[in-house]
Full PDB file with SEQRES, HELIX, SHEET, SSBOND, CRYST1, ORIGX, SCALE, CONECT and MASTER records, all heavy atoms in Angstrom:
SEQRES   1 A   43  ARG ILE ARG ARG LEU GLN ARG GLN MET ARG LYS ARG ARG          
SEQRES   2 A   43  MET LEU GLU ASP VAL LYS ARG ALA ALA VAL VAL ILE THR          
SEQRES   3 A   43  ASN PRO THR GLU PHE ALA VAL ALA LEU GLU TYR GLY PRO          
SEQRES   4 A   43  GLN LEU SER ALA                                              
HELIX    1 AA1 ILE A    2  ASP A   17  1                                  16    
HELIX    2 AA2 VAL A   18  ARG A   20  5                                   3    
SHEET    1 AA1 2 VAL A  23  THR A  26  0                                        
SHEET    2 AA1 2 ALA A  32  LEU A  35 -1                                        
CRYST1    1.000    1.000    1.000  90.00  90.00  90.00 P 1           1          
ORIGX1      1.000000  0.000000  0.000000        0.00000                         
ORIGX2      0.000000  1.000000  0.000000        0.00000                         
ORIGX3      0.000000  0.000000  1.000000        0.00000                         
SCALE1      1.000000  0.000000  0.000000        0.00000                         
SCALE2      0.000000  1.000000  0.000000        0.00000                         
SCALE3      0.000000  0.000000  1.000000        0.00000                         
ATOM      1  N   ARG A   1     123.815  -8.422 131.513  1.00  0.00           N  
ATOM      2  CA  ARG A   1     124.542  -9.487 130.823  1.00  0.00           C  
ATOM      3  C   ARG A   1     123.582 -10.375 130.022  1.00  0.00           C  
ATOM      4  O   ARG A   1     123.896 -10.792 128.906  1.00  0.00           O  
ATOM      5  CB  ARG A   1     125.306 -10.331 131.837  1.00  0.00           C  
ATOM      6  CG  ARG A   1     126.062 -11.489 131.208  1.00  0.00           C  
ATOM      7  CD  ARG A   1     126.950 -12.190 132.206  1.00  0.00           C  
ATOM      8  NE  ARG A   1     127.586 -13.364 131.635  1.00  0.00           N  
ATOM      9  CZ  ARG A   1     128.648 -13.330 130.846  1.00  0.00           C  
ATOM     10  NH1 ARG A   1     129.191 -12.169 130.534  1.00  0.00           N  
ATOM     11  NH2 ARG A   1     129.167 -14.437 130.369  1.00  0.00           N  
ATOM     12  N   ILE A   2     122.398 -10.632 130.601  1.00  0.00           N  
ATOM     13  CA  ILE A   2     121.411 -11.439 129.879  1.00  0.00           C  
ATOM     14  C   ILE A   2     120.979 -10.725 128.597  1.00  0.00           C  
ATOM     15  O   ILE A   2     120.843 -11.345 127.527  1.00  0.00           O  
ATOM     16  CB  ILE A   2     120.196 -11.732 130.784  1.00  0.00           C  
ATOM     17  CG1 ILE A   2     120.622 -12.659 131.929  1.00  0.00           C  
ATOM     18  CG2 ILE A   2     119.056 -12.350 129.990  1.00  0.00           C  
ATOM     19  CD1 ILE A   2     119.537 -12.915 132.947  1.00  0.00           C  
ATOM     20  N   ARG A   3     120.753  -9.405 128.705  1.00  0.00           N  
ATOM     21  CA  ARG A   3     120.365  -8.656 127.507  1.00  0.00           C  
ATOM     22  C   ARG A   3     121.471  -8.668 126.457  1.00  0.00           C  
ATOM     23  O   ARG A   3     121.193  -8.774 125.253  1.00  0.00           O  
ATOM     24  CB  ARG A   3     120.004  -7.221 127.894  1.00  0.00           C  
ATOM     25  CG  ARG A   3     118.663  -7.083 128.599  1.00  0.00           C  
ATOM     26  CD  ARG A   3     118.230  -5.631 128.635  1.00  0.00           C  
ATOM     27  NE  ARG A   3     119.114  -4.841 129.491  1.00  0.00           N  
ATOM     28  CZ  ARG A   3     118.895  -4.601 130.776  1.00  0.00           C  
ATOM     29  NH1 ARG A   3     117.823  -5.116 131.362  1.00  0.00           N  
ATOM     30  NH2 ARG A   3     119.736  -3.866 131.481  1.00  0.00           N  
ATOM     31  N   ARG A   4     122.719  -8.549 126.915  1.00  0.00           N  
ATOM     32  CA  ARG A   4     123.826  -8.601 125.949  1.00  0.00           C  
ATOM     33  C   ARG A   4     123.881  -9.951 125.260  1.00  0.00           C  
ATOM     34  O   ARG A   4     124.097 -10.043 124.035  1.00  0.00           O  
ATOM     35  CB  ARG A   4     125.148  -8.305 126.664  1.00  0.00           C  
ATOM     36  CG  ARG A   4     125.327  -6.846 127.051  1.00  0.00           C  
ATOM     37  CD  ARG A   4     126.765  -6.558 127.414  1.00  0.00           C  
ATOM     38  NE  ARG A   4     127.226  -7.370 128.536  1.00  0.00           N  
ATOM     39  CZ  ARG A   4     127.104  -7.013 129.811  1.00  0.00           C  
ATOM     40  NH1 ARG A   4     126.509  -5.860 130.124  1.00  0.00           N  
ATOM     41  NH2 ARG A   4     127.556  -7.790 130.782  1.00  0.00           N  
ATOM     42  N   LEU A   5     123.710 -11.023 126.018  1.00  0.00           N  
ATOM     43  CA  LEU A   5     123.720 -12.358 125.417  1.00  0.00           C  
ATOM     44  C   LEU A   5     122.567 -12.526 124.440  1.00  0.00           C  
ATOM     45  O   LEU A   5     122.721 -13.150 123.371  1.00  0.00           O  
ATOM     46  CB  LEU A   5     123.649 -13.427 126.515  1.00  0.00           C  
ATOM     47  CG  LEU A   5     124.874 -13.532 127.434  1.00  0.00           C  
ATOM     48  CD1 LEU A   5     124.617 -14.538 128.548  1.00  0.00           C  
ATOM     49  CD2 LEU A   5     126.114 -13.927 126.640  1.00  0.00           C  
ATOM     50  N   GLN A   6     121.390 -11.985 124.808  1.00  0.00           N  
ATOM     51  CA  GLN A   6     120.255 -12.083 123.896  1.00  0.00           C  
ATOM     52  C   GLN A   6     120.513 -11.318 122.605  1.00  0.00           C  
ATOM     53  O   GLN A   6     120.167 -11.795 121.512  1.00  0.00           O  
ATOM     54  CB  GLN A   6     118.997 -11.559 124.594  1.00  0.00           C  
ATOM     55  CG  GLN A   6     118.502 -12.448 125.724  1.00  0.00           C  
ATOM     56  CD  GLN A   6     117.340 -11.826 126.471  1.00  0.00           C  
ATOM     57  OE1 GLN A   6     117.060 -10.636 126.330  1.00  0.00           O  
ATOM     58  NE2 GLN A   6     116.654 -12.630 127.266  1.00  0.00           N  
ATOM     59  N   ARG A   7     121.131 -10.117 122.724  1.00  0.00           N  
ATOM     60  CA  ARG A   7     121.452  -9.359 121.514  1.00  0.00           C  
ATOM     61  C   ARG A   7     122.451 -10.101 120.647  1.00  0.00           C  
ATOM     62  O   ARG A   7     122.348 -10.123 119.410  1.00  0.00           O  
ATOM     63  CB  ARG A   7     121.990  -7.983 121.894  1.00  0.00           C  
ATOM     64  CG  ARG A   7     120.934  -7.024 122.409  1.00  0.00           C  
ATOM     65  CD  ARG A   7     121.461  -5.598 122.400  1.00  0.00           C  
ATOM     66  NE  ARG A   7     122.599  -5.444 123.299  1.00  0.00           N  
ATOM     67  CZ  ARG A   7     122.516  -5.066 124.567  1.00  0.00           C  
ATOM     68  NH1 ARG A   7     121.315  -4.824 125.096  1.00  0.00           N  
ATOM     69  NH2 ARG A   7     123.595  -4.926 125.319  1.00  0.00           N  
ATOM     70  N   GLN A   8     123.449 -10.716 121.287  1.00  0.00           N  
ATOM     71  CA  GLN A   8     124.439 -11.472 120.526  1.00  0.00           C  
ATOM     72  C   GLN A   8     123.793 -12.664 119.808  1.00  0.00           C  
ATOM     73  O   GLN A   8     124.134 -12.958 118.655  1.00  0.00           O  
ATOM     74  CB  GLN A   8     125.555 -11.947 121.449  1.00  0.00           C  
ATOM     75  CG  GLN A   8     126.421 -10.817 122.010  1.00  0.00           C  
ATOM     76  CD  GLN A   8     127.431 -11.308 123.003  1.00  0.00           C  
ATOM     77  OE1 GLN A   8     127.539 -12.514 123.272  1.00  0.00           O  
ATOM     78  NE2 GLN A   8     128.188 -10.378 123.593  1.00  0.00           N  
ATOM     79  N   MET A   9     122.854 -13.337 120.497  1.00  0.00           N  
ATOM     80  CA  MET A   9     122.180 -14.464 119.860  1.00  0.00           C  
ATOM     81  C   MET A   9     121.337 -13.994 118.680  1.00  0.00           C  
ATOM     82  O   MET A   9     121.317 -14.639 117.614  1.00  0.00           O  
ATOM     83  CB  MET A   9     121.299 -15.185 120.889  1.00  0.00           C  
ATOM     84  CG  MET A   9     122.078 -15.920 121.977  1.00  0.00           C  
ATOM     85  SD  MET A   9     120.999 -16.672 123.209  1.00  0.00           S  
ATOM     86  CE  MET A   9     120.095 -17.830 122.201  1.00  0.00           C  
ATOM     87  N   ARG A  10     120.609 -12.882 118.879  1.00  0.00           N  
ATOM     88  CA  ARG A  10     119.811 -12.363 117.751  1.00  0.00           C  
ATOM     89  C   ARG A  10     120.710 -11.939 116.600  1.00  0.00           C  
ATOM     90  O   ARG A  10     120.374 -12.144 115.420  1.00  0.00           O  
ATOM     91  CB  ARG A  10     118.957 -11.181 118.238  1.00  0.00           C  
ATOM     92  CG  ARG A  10     117.808 -11.573 119.126  1.00  0.00           C  
ATOM     93  CD  ARG A  10     116.827 -10.412 119.254  1.00  0.00           C  
ATOM     94  NE  ARG A  10     117.439  -9.260 119.910  1.00  0.00           N  
ATOM     95  CZ  ARG A  10     117.391  -9.019 121.215  1.00  0.00           C  
ATOM     96  NH1 ARG A  10     116.759  -9.891 122.014  1.00  0.00           N  
ATOM     97  NH2 ARG A  10     117.958  -7.947 121.728  1.00  0.00           N  
ATOM     98  N   LYS A  11     121.861 -11.351 116.928  1.00  0.00           N  
ATOM     99  CA  LYS A  11     122.783 -10.926 115.878  1.00  0.00           C  
ATOM    100  C   LYS A  11     123.308 -12.123 115.102  1.00  0.00           C  
ATOM    101  O   LYS A  11     123.351 -12.109 113.851  1.00  0.00           O  
ATOM    102  CB  LYS A  11     123.931 -10.149 116.499  1.00  0.00           C  
ATOM    103  CG  LYS A  11     124.992  -9.701 115.510  1.00  0.00           C  
ATOM    104  CD  LYS A  11     126.132  -8.999 116.217  1.00  0.00           C  
ATOM    105  CE  LYS A  11     127.254  -8.663 115.265  1.00  0.00           C  
ATOM    106  NZ  LYS A  11     128.405  -8.022 115.955  1.00  0.00           N  
ATOM    107  N   ARG A  12     123.709 -13.193 115.813  1.00  0.00           N  
ATOM    108  CA  ARG A  12     124.207 -14.388 115.109  1.00  0.00           C  
ATOM    109  C   ARG A  12     123.119 -15.022 114.253  1.00  0.00           C  
ATOM    110  O   ARG A  12     123.381 -15.475 113.131  1.00  0.00           O  
ATOM    111  CB  ARG A  12     124.741 -15.387 116.131  1.00  0.00           C  
ATOM    112  CG  ARG A  12     126.069 -14.989 116.758  1.00  0.00           C  
ATOM    113  CD  ARG A  12     126.717 -16.176 117.429  1.00  0.00           C  
ATOM    114  NE  ARG A  12     125.907 -16.662 118.539  1.00  0.00           N  
ATOM    115  CZ  ARG A  12     126.070 -16.272 119.819  1.00  0.00           C  
ATOM    116  NH1 ARG A  12     126.993 -15.370 120.116  1.00  0.00           N  
ATOM    117  NH2 ARG A  12     125.306 -16.751 120.770  1.00  0.00           N  
ATOM    118  N   ARG A  13     121.890 -15.070 114.799  1.00  0.00           N  
ATOM    119  CA  ARG A  13     120.793 -15.643 114.024  1.00  0.00           C  
ATOM    120  C   ARG A  13     120.511 -14.807 112.777  1.00  0.00           C  
ATOM    121  O   ARG A  13     120.236 -15.347 111.687  1.00  0.00           O  
ATOM    122  CB  ARG A  13     119.547 -15.734 114.904  1.00  0.00           C  
ATOM    123  CG  ARG A  13     118.409 -16.543 114.266  1.00  0.00           C  
ATOM    124  CD  ARG A  13     117.185 -16.587 115.162  1.00  0.00           C  
ATOM    125  NE  ARG A  13     117.501 -17.099 116.483  1.00  0.00           N  
ATOM    126  CZ  ARG A  13     117.447 -16.366 117.597  1.00  0.00           C  
ATOM    127  NH1 ARG A  13     117.104 -15.094 117.533  1.00  0.00           N  
ATOM    128  NH2 ARG A  13     117.724 -16.907 118.762  1.00  0.00           N  
ATOM    129  N   MET A  14     120.584 -13.480 112.935  1.00  0.00           N  
ATOM    130  CA  MET A  14     120.327 -12.599 111.799  1.00  0.00           C  
ATOM    131  C   MET A  14     121.407 -12.764 110.728  1.00  0.00           C  
ATOM    132  O   MET A  14     121.106 -12.833 109.518  1.00  0.00           O  
ATOM    133  CB  MET A  14     120.261 -11.147 112.283  1.00  0.00           C  
ATOM    134  CG  MET A  14     119.939 -10.143 111.196  1.00  0.00           C  
ATOM    135  SD  MET A  14     119.945  -8.442 111.804  1.00  0.00           S  
ATOM    136  CE  MET A  14     121.697  -8.244 112.160  1.00  0.00           C  
ATOM    137  N   LEU A  15     122.678 -12.826 111.157  1.00  0.00           N  
ATOM    138  CA  LEU A  15     123.753 -13.000 110.185  1.00  0.00           C  
ATOM    139  C   LEU A  15     123.664 -14.362 109.508  1.00  0.00           C  
ATOM    140  O   LEU A  15     124.048 -14.501 108.329  1.00  0.00           O  
ATOM    141  CB  LEU A  15     125.109 -12.826 110.880  1.00  0.00           C  
ATOM    142  CG  LEU A  15     125.404 -11.419 111.424  1.00  0.00           C  
ATOM    143  CD1 LEU A  15     126.735 -11.407 112.155  1.00  0.00           C  
ATOM    144  CD2 LEU A  15     125.409 -10.397 110.287  1.00  0.00           C  
ATOM    145  N   GLU A  16     123.172 -15.346 110.225  1.00  0.00           N  
ATOM    146  CA  GLU A  16     122.995 -16.664 109.611  1.00  0.00           C  
ATOM    147  C   GLU A  16     121.893 -16.619 108.558  1.00  0.00           C  
ATOM    148  O   GLU A  16     121.969 -17.322 107.521  1.00  0.00           O  
ATOM    149  CB  GLU A  16     122.674 -17.687 110.687  1.00  0.00           C  
ATOM    150  CG  GLU A  16     122.582 -19.120 110.192  1.00  0.00           C  
ATOM    151  CD  GLU A  16     123.943 -19.662 109.749  1.00  0.00           C  
ATOM    152  OE1 GLU A  16     124.984 -19.131 110.197  1.00  0.00           O  
ATOM    153  OE2 GLU A  16     123.937 -20.624 108.958  1.00  0.00           O  
ATOM    154  N   ASP A  17     120.860 -15.785 108.806  1.00  0.00           N  
ATOM    155  CA  ASP A  17     119.761 -15.679 107.845  1.00  0.00           C  
ATOM    156  C   ASP A  17     120.170 -14.934 106.575  1.00  0.00           C  
ATOM    157  O   ASP A  17     119.442 -14.973 105.578  1.00  0.00           O  
ATOM    158  CB  ASP A  17     118.572 -14.966 108.492  1.00  0.00           C  
ATOM    159  CG  ASP A  17     117.929 -15.793 109.593  1.00  0.00           C  
ATOM    160  OD1 ASP A  17     118.137 -17.022 109.602  1.00  0.00           O  
ATOM    161  OD2 ASP A  17     117.248 -15.211 110.461  1.00  0.00           O  
ATOM    162  N   VAL A  18     121.309 -14.219 106.601  1.00  0.00           N  
ATOM    163  CA  VAL A  18     121.765 -13.514 105.392  1.00  0.00           C  
ATOM    164  C   VAL A  18     121.987 -14.504 104.254  1.00  0.00           C  
ATOM    165  O   VAL A  18     121.818 -14.164 103.060  1.00  0.00           O  
ATOM    166  CB  VAL A  18     123.048 -12.710 105.691  1.00  0.00           C  
ATOM    167  CG1 VAL A  18     123.611 -12.078 104.412  1.00  0.00           C  
ATOM    168  CG2 VAL A  18     122.757 -11.626 106.715  1.00  0.00           C  
ATOM    169  N   LYS A  19     122.334 -15.732 104.568  1.00  0.00           N  
ATOM    170  CA  LYS A  19     122.616 -16.729 103.536  1.00  0.00           C  
ATOM    171  C   LYS A  19     121.386 -17.034 102.684  1.00  0.00           C  
ATOM    172  O   LYS A  19     121.525 -17.550 101.572  1.00  0.00           O  
ATOM    173  CB  LYS A  19     123.140 -18.016 104.171  1.00  0.00           C  
ATOM    174  CG  LYS A  19     124.433 -17.819 104.945  1.00  0.00           C  
ATOM    175  CD  LYS A  19     124.869 -19.108 105.625  1.00  0.00           C  
ATOM    176  CE  LYS A  19     126.153 -18.909 106.430  1.00  0.00           C  
ATOM    177  NZ  LYS A  19     126.590 -20.158 107.123  1.00  0.00           N  
ATOM    178  N   ARG A  20     120.169 -16.728 103.214  1.00  0.00           N  
ATOM    179  CA  ARG A  20     118.951 -16.983 102.436  1.00  0.00           C  
ATOM    180  C   ARG A  20     118.570 -15.792 101.562  1.00  0.00           C  
ATOM    181  O   ARG A  20     117.601 -15.868 100.797  1.00  0.00           O  
ATOM    182  CB  ARG A  20     117.778 -17.280 103.372  1.00  0.00           C  
ATOM    183  CG  ARG A  20     118.016 -18.389 104.379  1.00  0.00           C  
ATOM    184  CD  ARG A  20     116.688 -18.908 104.919  1.00  0.00           C  
ATOM    185  NE  ARG A  20     115.789 -17.828 105.295  1.00  0.00           N  
ATOM    186  CZ  ARG A  20     115.643 -17.331 106.530  1.00  0.00           C  
ATOM    187  NH1 ARG A  20     116.399 -17.825 107.526  1.00  0.00           N  
ATOM    188  NH2 ARG A  20     114.781 -16.371 106.774  1.00  0.00           N  
ATOM    189  N   ALA A  21     119.291 -14.700 101.667  1.00  0.00           N  
ATOM    190  CA  ALA A  21     118.900 -13.477 100.968  1.00  0.00           C  
ATOM    191  C   ALA A  21     119.089 -13.616  99.458  1.00  0.00           C  
ATOM    192  O   ALA A  21     119.975 -14.322  98.974  1.00  0.00           O  
ATOM    193  CB  ALA A  21     119.710 -12.296 101.494  1.00  0.00           C  
ATOM    194  N   ALA A  22     118.232 -12.900  98.734  1.00  0.00           N  
ATOM    195  CA  ALA A  22     118.347 -12.847  97.270  1.00  0.00           C  
ATOM    196  C   ALA A  22     119.192 -11.670  96.832  1.00  0.00           C  
ATOM    197  O   ALA A  22     119.822 -11.710  95.773  1.00  0.00           O  
ATOM    198  CB  ALA A  22     116.955 -12.764  96.646  1.00  0.00           C  
ATOM    199  N   VAL A  23     119.222 -10.607  97.648  1.00  0.00           N  
ATOM    200  CA  VAL A  23     119.991  -9.419  97.311  1.00  0.00           C  
ATOM    201  C   VAL A  23     120.278  -8.658  98.609  1.00  0.00           C  
ATOM    202  O   VAL A  23     119.525  -8.745  99.573  1.00  0.00           O  
ATOM    203  CB  VAL A  23     119.231  -8.520  96.311  1.00  0.00           C  
ATOM    204  CG1 VAL A  23     117.939  -7.993  96.922  1.00  0.00           C  
ATOM    205  CG2 VAL A  23     120.112  -7.369  95.826  1.00  0.00           C  
ATOM    206  N   VAL A  24     121.369  -7.898  98.624  1.00  0.00           N  
ATOM    207  CA  VAL A  24     121.712  -7.023  99.743  1.00  0.00           C  
ATOM    208  C   VAL A  24     121.798  -5.612  99.203  1.00  0.00           C  
ATOM    209  O   VAL A  24     122.610  -5.314  98.317  1.00  0.00           O  
ATOM    210  CB  VAL A  24     123.044  -7.443 100.407  1.00  0.00           C  
ATOM    211  CG1 VAL A  24     123.446  -6.424 101.474  1.00  0.00           C  
ATOM    212  CG2 VAL A  24     122.921  -8.835 101.015  1.00  0.00           C  
ATOM    213  N   ILE A  25     120.940  -4.732  99.721  1.00  0.00           N  
ATOM    214  CA  ILE A  25     120.917  -3.328  99.320  1.00  0.00           C  
ATOM    215  C   ILE A  25     121.853  -2.570 100.269  1.00  0.00           C  
ATOM    216  O   ILE A  25     121.712  -2.657 101.506  1.00  0.00           O  
ATOM    217  CB  ILE A  25     119.494  -2.737  99.390  1.00  0.00           C  
ATOM    218  CG1 ILE A  25     118.501  -3.660  98.681  1.00  0.00           C  
ATOM    219  CG2 ILE A  25     119.456  -1.348  98.809  1.00  0.00           C  
ATOM    220  CD1 ILE A  25     118.765  -3.845  97.216  1.00  0.00           C  
ATOM    221  N   THR A  26     122.809  -1.800  99.712  1.00  0.00           N  
ATOM    222  CA  THR A  26     123.786  -1.094 100.532  1.00  0.00           C  
ATOM    223  C   THR A  26     123.713   0.400 100.300  1.00  0.00           C  
ATOM    224  O   THR A  26     123.101   0.871  99.350  1.00  0.00           O  
ATOM    225  CB  THR A  26     125.207  -1.590 100.235  1.00  0.00           C  
ATOM    226  OG1 THR A  26     125.536  -1.260  98.875  1.00  0.00           O  
ATOM    227  CG2 THR A  26     125.316  -3.087 100.437  1.00  0.00           C  
ATOM    228  N   ASN A  27     124.441   1.127 101.190  1.00  0.00           N  
ATOM    229  CA  ASN A  27     124.377   2.596 101.207  1.00  0.00           C  
ATOM    230  C   ASN A  27     125.420   3.337 100.360  1.00  0.00           C  
ATOM    231  O   ASN A  27     125.133   4.516 100.038  1.00  0.00           O  
ATOM    232  CB  ASN A  27     124.456   3.094 102.647  1.00  0.00           C  
ATOM    233  CG  ASN A  27     124.004   4.541 102.777  1.00  0.00           C  
ATOM    234  OD1 ASN A  27     123.305   5.073 101.933  1.00  0.00           O  
ATOM    235  ND2 ASN A  27     124.436   5.195 103.814  1.00  0.00           N  
ATOM    236  N   PRO A  28     126.615   2.988 100.137  1.00  0.00           N  
ATOM    237  CA  PRO A  28     127.188   1.627 100.191  1.00  0.00           C  
ATOM    238  C   PRO A  28     127.958   1.263 101.467  1.00  0.00           C  
ATOM    239  O   PRO A  28     128.250   0.091 101.675  1.00  0.00           O  
ATOM    240  CB  PRO A  28     128.159   1.659  99.017  1.00  0.00           C  
ATOM    241  CG  PRO A  28     128.631   3.069  98.992  1.00  0.00           C  
ATOM    242  CD  PRO A  28     127.489   3.926  99.403  1.00  0.00           C  
ATOM    243  N   THR A  29     128.319   2.229 102.324  1.00  0.00           N  
ATOM    244  CA  THR A  29     129.196   1.876 103.457  1.00  0.00           C  
ATOM    245  C   THR A  29     128.460   1.875 104.795  1.00  0.00           C  
ATOM    246  O   THR A  29     128.822   1.132 105.711  1.00  0.00           O  
ATOM    247  CB  THR A  29     130.366   2.865 103.533  1.00  0.00           C  
ATOM    248  OG1 THR A  29     129.865   4.199 103.665  1.00  0.00           O  
ATOM    249  CG2 THR A  29     131.236   2.757 102.288  1.00  0.00           C  
ATOM    250  N   GLU A  30     127.410   2.690 104.908  1.00  0.00           N  
ATOM    251  CA  GLU A  30     126.809   2.846 106.235  1.00  0.00           C  
ATOM    252  C   GLU A  30     125.729   1.820 106.494  1.00  0.00           C  
ATOM    253  O   GLU A  30     125.669   1.226 107.573  1.00  0.00           O  
ATOM    254  CB  GLU A  30     126.224   4.254 106.377  1.00  0.00           C  
ATOM    255  CG  GLU A  30     125.704   4.534 107.778  1.00  0.00           C  
ATOM    256  CD  GLU A  30     125.171   5.948 107.894  1.00  0.00           C  
ATOM    257  OE1 GLU A  30     125.163   6.674 106.882  1.00  0.00           O  
ATOM    258  OE2 GLU A  30     124.753   6.325 109.012  1.00  0.00           O  
ATOM    259  N   PHE A  31     124.835   1.587 105.512  1.00  0.00           N  
ATOM    260  CA  PHE A  31     123.696   0.692 105.708  1.00  0.00           C  
ATOM    261  C   PHE A  31     123.839  -0.532 104.829  1.00  0.00           C  
ATOM    262  O   PHE A  31     124.446  -0.486 103.750  1.00  0.00           O  
ATOM    263  CB  PHE A  31     122.375   1.402 105.361  1.00  0.00           C  
ATOM    264  CG  PHE A  31     122.058   2.547 106.267  1.00  0.00           C  
ATOM    265  CD1 PHE A  31     122.230   3.856 105.830  1.00  0.00           C  
ATOM    266  CD2 PHE A  31     121.594   2.337 107.561  1.00  0.00           C  
ATOM    267  CE1 PHE A  31     121.934   4.916 106.654  1.00  0.00           C  
ATOM    268  CE2 PHE A  31     121.311   3.399 108.387  1.00  0.00           C  
ATOM    269  CZ  PHE A  31     121.482   4.695 107.937  1.00  0.00           C  
ATOM    270  N   ALA A  32     123.207  -1.638 105.297  1.00  0.00           N  
ATOM    271  CA  ALA A  32     123.105  -2.862 104.496  1.00  0.00           C  
ATOM    272  C   ALA A  32     121.829  -3.568 104.911  1.00  0.00           C  
ATOM    273  O   ALA A  32     121.599  -3.802 106.106  1.00  0.00           O  
ATOM    274  CB  ALA A  32     124.312  -3.767 104.711  1.00  0.00           C  
ATOM    275  N   VAL A  33     120.999  -3.887 103.910  1.00  0.00           N  
ATOM    276  CA  VAL A  33     119.714  -4.544 104.166  1.00  0.00           C  
ATOM    277  C   VAL A  33     119.644  -5.763 103.246  1.00  0.00           C  
ATOM    278  O   VAL A  33     119.735  -5.629 102.006  1.00  0.00           O  
ATOM    279  CB  VAL A  33     118.523  -3.609 103.903  1.00  0.00           C  
ATOM    280  CG1 VAL A  33     117.208  -4.338 104.176  1.00  0.00           C  
ATOM    281  CG2 VAL A  33     118.630  -2.352 104.748  1.00  0.00           C  
ATOM    282  N   ALA A  34     119.474  -6.953 103.876  1.00  0.00           N  
ATOM    283  CA  ALA A  34     119.394  -8.196 103.117  1.00  0.00           C  
ATOM    284  C   ALA A  34     117.930  -8.554 102.912  1.00  0.00           C  
ATOM    285  O   ALA A  34     117.155  -8.587 103.876  1.00  0.00           O  
ATOM    286  CB  ALA A  34     120.127  -9.315 103.853  1.00  0.00           C  
ATOM    287  N   LEU A  35     117.548  -8.814 101.620  1.00  0.00           N  
ATOM    288  CA  LEU A  35     116.164  -9.119 101.273  1.00  0.00           C  
ATOM    289  C   LEU A  35     116.071 -10.551 100.775  1.00  0.00           C  
ATOM    290  O   LEU A  35     116.896 -11.004  99.973  1.00  0.00           O  
ATOM    291  CB  LEU A  35     115.652  -8.167 100.202  1.00  0.00           C  
ATOM    292  CG  LEU A  35     115.609  -6.676 100.568  1.00  0.00           C  
ATOM    293  CD1 LEU A  35     115.148  -5.861  99.368  1.00  0.00           C  
ATOM    294  CD2 LEU A  35     114.706  -6.449 101.758  1.00  0.00           C  
ATOM    295  N   GLU A  36     115.054 -11.262 101.254  1.00  0.00           N  
ATOM    296  CA  GLU A  36     114.762 -12.617 100.790  1.00  0.00           C  
ATOM    297  C   GLU A  36     113.485 -12.582  99.969  1.00  0.00           C  
ATOM    298  O   GLU A  36     112.518 -11.919 100.353  1.00  0.00           O  
ATOM    299  CB  GLU A  36     114.599 -13.565 101.971  1.00  0.00           C  
ATOM    300  CG  GLU A  36     114.261 -14.994 101.569  1.00  0.00           C  
ATOM    301  CD  GLU A  36     113.938 -15.884 102.764  1.00  0.00           C  
ATOM    302  OE1 GLU A  36     113.765 -15.321 103.868  1.00  0.00           O  
ATOM    303  OE2 GLU A  36     113.844 -17.105 102.584  1.00  0.00           O  
ATOM    304  N   TYR A  37     113.491 -13.322  98.838  1.00  0.00           N  
ATOM    305  CA  TYR A  37     112.285 -13.404  98.026  1.00  0.00           C  
ATOM    306  C   TYR A  37     112.261 -14.747  97.320  1.00  0.00           C  
ATOM    307  O   TYR A  37     113.288 -15.256  96.871  1.00  0.00           O  
ATOM    308  CB  TYR A  37     112.226 -12.277  96.983  1.00  0.00           C  
ATOM    309  CG  TYR A  37     110.961 -12.306  96.176  1.00  0.00           C  
ATOM    310  CD1 TYR A  37     109.745 -12.004  96.765  1.00  0.00           C  
ATOM    311  CD2 TYR A  37     110.986 -12.668  94.825  1.00  0.00           C  
ATOM    312  CE1 TYR A  37     108.574 -12.045  96.030  1.00  0.00           C  
ATOM    313  CE2 TYR A  37     109.820 -12.702  94.080  1.00  0.00           C  
ATOM    314  CZ  TYR A  37     108.611 -12.395  94.692  1.00  0.00           C  
ATOM    315  OH  TYR A  37     107.455 -12.452  93.967  1.00  0.00           O  
ATOM    316  N   GLY A  38     111.071 -15.312  97.265  1.00  0.00           N  
ATOM    317  CA  GLY A  38     110.895 -16.583  96.604  1.00  0.00           C  
ATOM    318  C   GLY A  38     109.433 -16.841  96.338  1.00  0.00           C  
ATOM    319  O   GLY A  38     108.560 -16.048  96.747  1.00  0.00           O  
ATOM    320  N   PRO A  39     109.110 -17.925  95.643  1.00  0.00           N  
ATOM    321  CA  PRO A  39     107.705 -18.217  95.314  1.00  0.00           C  
ATOM    322  C   PRO A  39     106.818 -18.375  96.547  1.00  0.00           C  
ATOM    323  O   PRO A  39     105.606 -18.110  96.486  1.00  0.00           O  
ATOM    324  CB  PRO A  39     107.807 -19.529  94.532  1.00  0.00           C  
ATOM    325  CG  PRO A  39     109.219 -19.563  94.035  1.00  0.00           C  
ATOM    326  CD  PRO A  39     110.042 -18.884  95.074  1.00  0.00           C  
ATOM    327  N   GLN A  40     107.410 -18.813  97.674  1.00  0.00           N  
ATOM    328  CA  GLN A  40     106.603 -19.024  98.874  1.00  0.00           C  
ATOM    329  C   GLN A  40     106.308 -17.734  99.628  1.00  0.00           C  
ATOM    330  O   GLN A  40     105.519 -17.737 100.576  1.00  0.00           O  
ATOM    331  CB  GLN A  40     107.319 -20.011  99.814  1.00  0.00           C  
ATOM    332  CG  GLN A  40     108.536 -19.456 100.532  1.00  0.00           C  
ATOM    333  CD  GLN A  40     109.790 -19.458  99.663  1.00  0.00           C  
ATOM    334  OE1 GLN A  40     109.709 -19.756  98.458  1.00  0.00           O  
ATOM    335  NE2 GLN A  40     110.928 -19.137 100.263  1.00  0.00           N  
ATOM    336  N   LEU A  41     106.905 -16.625  99.220  1.00  0.00           N  
ATOM    337  CA  LEU A  41     106.712 -15.343  99.891  1.00  0.00           C  
ATOM    338  C   LEU A  41     105.845 -14.435  99.044  1.00  0.00           C  
ATOM    339  O   LEU A  41     106.014 -14.351  97.824  1.00  0.00           O  
ATOM    340  CB  LEU A  41     108.064 -14.659 100.158  1.00  0.00           C  
ATOM    341  CG  LEU A  41     109.029 -15.396 101.091  1.00  0.00           C  
ATOM    342  CD1 LEU A  41     110.369 -14.659 101.180  1.00  0.00           C  
ATOM    343  CD2 LEU A  41     108.426 -15.569 102.486  1.00  0.00           C  
ATOM    344  N   SER A  42     104.911 -13.737  99.694  1.00  0.00           N  
ATOM    345  CA  SER A  42     104.040 -12.818  98.967  1.00  0.00           C  
ATOM    346  C   SER A  42     104.741 -11.525  98.615  1.00  0.00           C  
ATOM    347  O   SER A  42     104.335 -10.818  97.684  1.00  0.00           O  
ATOM    348  CB  SER A  42     102.787 -12.508  99.806  1.00  0.00           C  
ATOM    349  OG  SER A  42     103.166 -11.932 101.065  1.00  0.00           O  
ATOM    350  N   ALA A  43     105.778 -11.156  99.374  1.00  0.00           N  
ATOM    351  CA  ALA A  43     106.528  -9.919  99.119  1.00  0.00           C  
ATOM    352  C   ALA A  43     107.937 -10.105  99.650  1.00  0.00           C  
ATOM    353  O   ALA A  43     108.194 -10.944 100.523  1.00  0.00           O  
ATOM    354  CB  ALA A  43     105.844  -8.733  99.790  1.00  0.00           C  
TER     355      ALA A  43                                                      
MASTER        0    0    0    2    2    0    0    6  354    1    0    4          
END                                                                             
């Protein structure tokens, strides 16, 4: 149960971080990868 809660917390945190993304690369239906880029990031 602790592991499930930890996974749920990581999932919510990850979905919250999608809002900072500059683009989302899709498969189009199977995969989705959100990328963040800005002047403060080297890549």
